[in-house]
C-alpha atoms as a PDB file:
ATOM      1  CA  GLY A   1     199.507 104.508 175.461  1.00  0.00           C
ATOM      2  CA  VAL A   2     202.195 106.242 173.985  1.00  0.00           C
ATOM      3  CA  GLU A   3     202.711 109.761 173.766  1.00  0.00           C
ATOM      4  CA  LEU A   4     205.870 110.972 171.848  1.00  0.00           C
ATOM      5  CA  LEU A   5     206.549 114.347 174.298  1.00  0.00           C
ATOM      6  CA  ALA A   6     206.760 113.897 177.928  1.00  0.00           C
ATOM      7  CA  SER A   7     205.952 116.942 178.336  1.00  0.00           C
ATOM      8  CA  ARG A   8     202.367 115.543 177.238  1.00  0.00           C
ATOM      9  CA  VAL A   9     202.768 112.703 179.141  1.00  0.00           C
ATOM     10  CA  GLU A  10     203.269 114.071 182.656  1.00  0.00           C
ATOM     11  CA  PRO A  11     199.944 116.438 183.193  1.00  0.00           C
ATOM     12  CA  ALA A  12     197.928 113.512 181.854  1.00  0.00           C
ATOM     13  CA  GLN A  13     198.901 110.259 183.731  1.00  0.00           C
ATOM     14  CA  PRO A  14     197.507 110.845 186.335  1.00  0.00           C
ATOM     15  CA  ILE A  15     193.951 111.366 185.759  1.00  0.00           C
ATOM     16  CA  LEU A  16     194.231 108.427 182.865  1.00  0.00           C
ATOM     17  CA  ARG A  17     195.295 106.015 185.591  1.00  0.00           C
ATOM     18  CA  LYS A  18     192.326 106.530 187.360  1.00  0.00           C
ATOM     19  CA  VAL A  19     190.233 105.301 184.774  1.00  0.00           C
ATOM     20  CA  GLY A  20     192.662 102.146 184.234  1.00  0.00           C
ATOM     21  CA  ILE A  21     194.826 103.500 181.086  1.00  0.00           C
ATOM     22  CA  ASP A  22     198.732 103.681 181.166  1.00  0.00           C
ATOM     23  CA  LEU A  23     200.456 106.400 179.157  1.00  0.00           C
ATOM     24  CA  PHE A  24     204.066 106.706 179.241  1.00  0.00           C
ATOM     25  CA  ASP A  25     206.509 108.835 176.988  1.00  0.00           C
ATOM     26  CA  GLY A  26     208.212 106.969 173.536  1.00  0.00           C
ATOM     27  CA  ASP A  27     207.869 106.256 170.061  1.00  0.00           C
ATOM     28  CA  ALA A  28     204.542 104.195 169.133  1.00  0.00           C
ATOM     29  CA  THR A  29     205.952 102.246 166.493  1.00  0.00           C
ATOM     30  CA  GLU A  30     208.480 100.287 168.983  1.00  0.00           C
ATOM     31  CA  GLN A  31     205.908  99.301 171.378  1.00  0.00           C
ATOM     32  CA  ASP A  32     205.034  95.359 171.593  1.00  0.00           C
ATOM     33  CA  LEU A  33     200.888  95.618 170.844  1.00  0.00           C
ATOM     34  CA  PHE A  34     200.503  92.379 172.594  1.00  0.00           C
ATOM     35  CA  GLY A  35     197.173  92.783 174.775  1.00  0.00           C
ATOM     36  CA  VAL A  36     196.155  96.311 173.653  1.00  0.00           C
ATOM     37  CA  SER A  37     192.377  96.682 173.259  1.00  0.00           C
ATOM     38  CA  HIS A  38     192.060  99.847 172.184  1.00  0.00           C
ATOM     39  CA  VAL A  39     194.117 102.498 170.348  1.00  0.00           C
ATOM     40  CA  VAL A  40     193.628 106.168 169.767  1.00  0.00           C
ATOM     41  CA  VAL A  41     195.819 107.486 166.659  1.00  0.00           C
ATOM     42  CA  THR A  42     195.720 111.258 166.025  1.00  0.00           C
ATOM     43  CA  TRP A  43     196.975 111.292 162.416  1.00  0.00           C
ATOM     44  CA  THR A  44     195.866 115.091 162.665  1.00  0.00           C
ATOM     45  CA  ALA A  45     199.573 116.486 162.091  1.00  0.00           C
ATOM     46  CA  MET A  46     201.172 113.308 160.153  1.00  0.00           C
ATOM     47  CA  SER A  47     202.412 113.006 156.787  1.00  0.00           C
ATOM     48  CA  GLU A  48     201.180 110.006 154.392  1.00  0.00           C
ATOM     49  CA  PRO A  49     204.573 108.096 154.980  1.00  0.00           C
ATOM     50  CA  THR A  50     204.226 108.392 158.777  1.00  0.00           C
ATOM     51  CA  ARG A  51     200.154 107.210 158.654  1.00  0.00           C
ATOM     52  CA  ALA A  52     201.538 104.536 156.355  1.00  0.00           C
ATOM     53  CA  ARG A  53     204.048 102.907 159.103  1.00  0.00           C
ATOM     54  CA  ILE A  54     201.884 103.507 161.965  1.00  0.00           C
ATOM     55  CA  SER A  55     199.266 101.770 159.666  1.00  0.00           C
ATOM     56  CA  GLN A  56     201.227  98.596 159.072  1.00  0.00           C
ATOM     57  CA  ASP A  57     202.376  98.665 162.834  1.00  0.00           C
ATOM     58  CA  LEU A  58     198.776  98.666 163.902  1.00  0.00           C
ATOM     59  CA  LEU A  59     198.895  95.060 161.942  1.00  0.00           C
ATOM     60  CA  ARG A  60     199.953  94.026 165.198  1.00  0.00           C
ATOM     61  CA  LEU A  61     196.917  94.430 167.136  1.00  0.00           C
ATOM     62  CA  GLU A  62     194.888  91.189 168.064  1.00  0.00           C
ATOM     63  CA  PRO A  63     191.807  90.490 165.713  1.00  0.00           C
ATOM     64  CA  GLY A  64     188.755  92.081 167.764  1.00  0.00           C
ATOM     65  CA  ALA A  65     191.001  95.445 168.565  1.00  0.00           C
ATOM     66  CA  LYS A  66     189.775  99.206 168.032  1.00  0.00           C
ATOM     67  CA  ALA A  67     191.641 102.026 166.433  1.00  0.00           C
ATOM     68  CA  LEU A  68     190.228 105.747 166.265  1.00  0.00           C
ATOM     69  CA  CYS A  69     191.541 107.741 164.285  1.00  0.00           C
ATOM     70  CA  TYR A  70     191.210 111.623 164.261  1.00  0.00           C
ATOM     71  CA  THR A  71     191.469 113.500 160.645  1.00  0.00           C
ATOM     72  CA  HIS A  72     191.774 110.359 157.971  1.00  0.00           C
ATOM     73  CA  ALA A  73     190.692 107.301 157.350  1.00  0.00           C
ATOM     74  CA  MET A  74     192.920 104.474 158.150  1.00  0.00           C
ATOM     75  CA  THR A  75     193.746 103.029 154.195  1.00  0.00           C
ATOM     76  CA  GLN A  76     195.728  99.390 155.614  1.00  0.00           C
ATOM     77  CA  ASP A  77     193.656  96.298 154.847  1.00  0.00           C
ATOM     78  CA  GLY A  78     193.210  94.374 157.974  1.00  0.00           C
ATOM     79  CA  PHE A  79     190.781  96.687 159.324  1.00  0.00           C
ATOM     80  CA  ARG A  80     187.145  97.072 159.015  1.00  0.00           C
ATOM     81  CA  LYS A  81     185.564 100.516 159.151  1.00  0.00           C
ATOM     82  CA  LEU A  82     182.626 100.549 162.290  1.00  0.00           C
ATOM     83  CA  HIS A  83     181.748 104.301 162.485  1.00  0.00           C
ATOM     84  CA  GLN A  84     182.461 107.707 161.211  1.00  0.00           C
ATOM     85  CA  HIS A  85     182.014 110.933 162.686  1.00  0.00           C
ATOM     86  CA  LEU A  86     182.218 114.588 161.929  1.00  0.00           C
ATOM     87  CA  VAL A  87     182.861 116.103 165.379  1.00  0.00           C
ATOM     88  CA  LEU A  88     183.814 119.352 167.217  1.00  0.00           C
ATOM     89  CA  LEU A  89     187.580 119.131 168.837  1.00  0.00           C
ATOM     90  CA  PRO A  90     189.190 121.305 169.742  1.00  0.00           C
ATOM     91  CA  TRP A  91     190.794 122.656 166.701  1.00  0.00           C
ATOM     92  CA  GLY A  92     187.185 122.745 164.865  1.00  0.00           C
ATOM     93  CA  ALA A  93     185.376 120.412 163.032  1.00  0.00           C
ATOM     94  CA  ASP A  94     187.156 116.915 161.802  1.00  0.00           C
ATOM     95  CA  TRP A  95     186.203 113.417 160.890  1.00  0.00           C
ATOM     96  CA  VAL A  96     186.976 110.276 163.744  1.00  0.00           C
ATOM     97  CA  TYR A  97     186.775 106.746 162.466  1.00  0.00           C
ATOM     98  CA  VAL A  98     186.285 104.023 164.777  1.00  0.00           C
ATOM     99  CA  TYR A  99     188.163 100.083 163.111  1.00  0.00           C
ATOM    100  CA  LYS A 100     188.256  97.218 163.884  1.00  0.00           C
ATOM    101  CA  ARG A 101     190.825  94.833 163.404  1.00  0.00           C
ATOM    102  CA  VAL A 102     189.480  91.219 161.192  1.00  0.00           C
END
């Protein structure tokens, strides 16, 4: 996984490694998505232009890859919505959408 803020990576990295997830700091739009099977995108605090840019980048995912998006639905073609749930998150009730790259 990629997190823009290094201060968030450091405490989470050891926990995630135990379940086979690598997390490092960087810009998600500059990452190679080859072989990535799952992506979690927290749209919650992102602007519409940023969401649109990242949605375009997610088209580099291979067919079958899954994307889990918080707060906002993905509007990019190339994905099929599998699930949509209203869930309780630390900031309150919010929508979670699960997509599959087609």
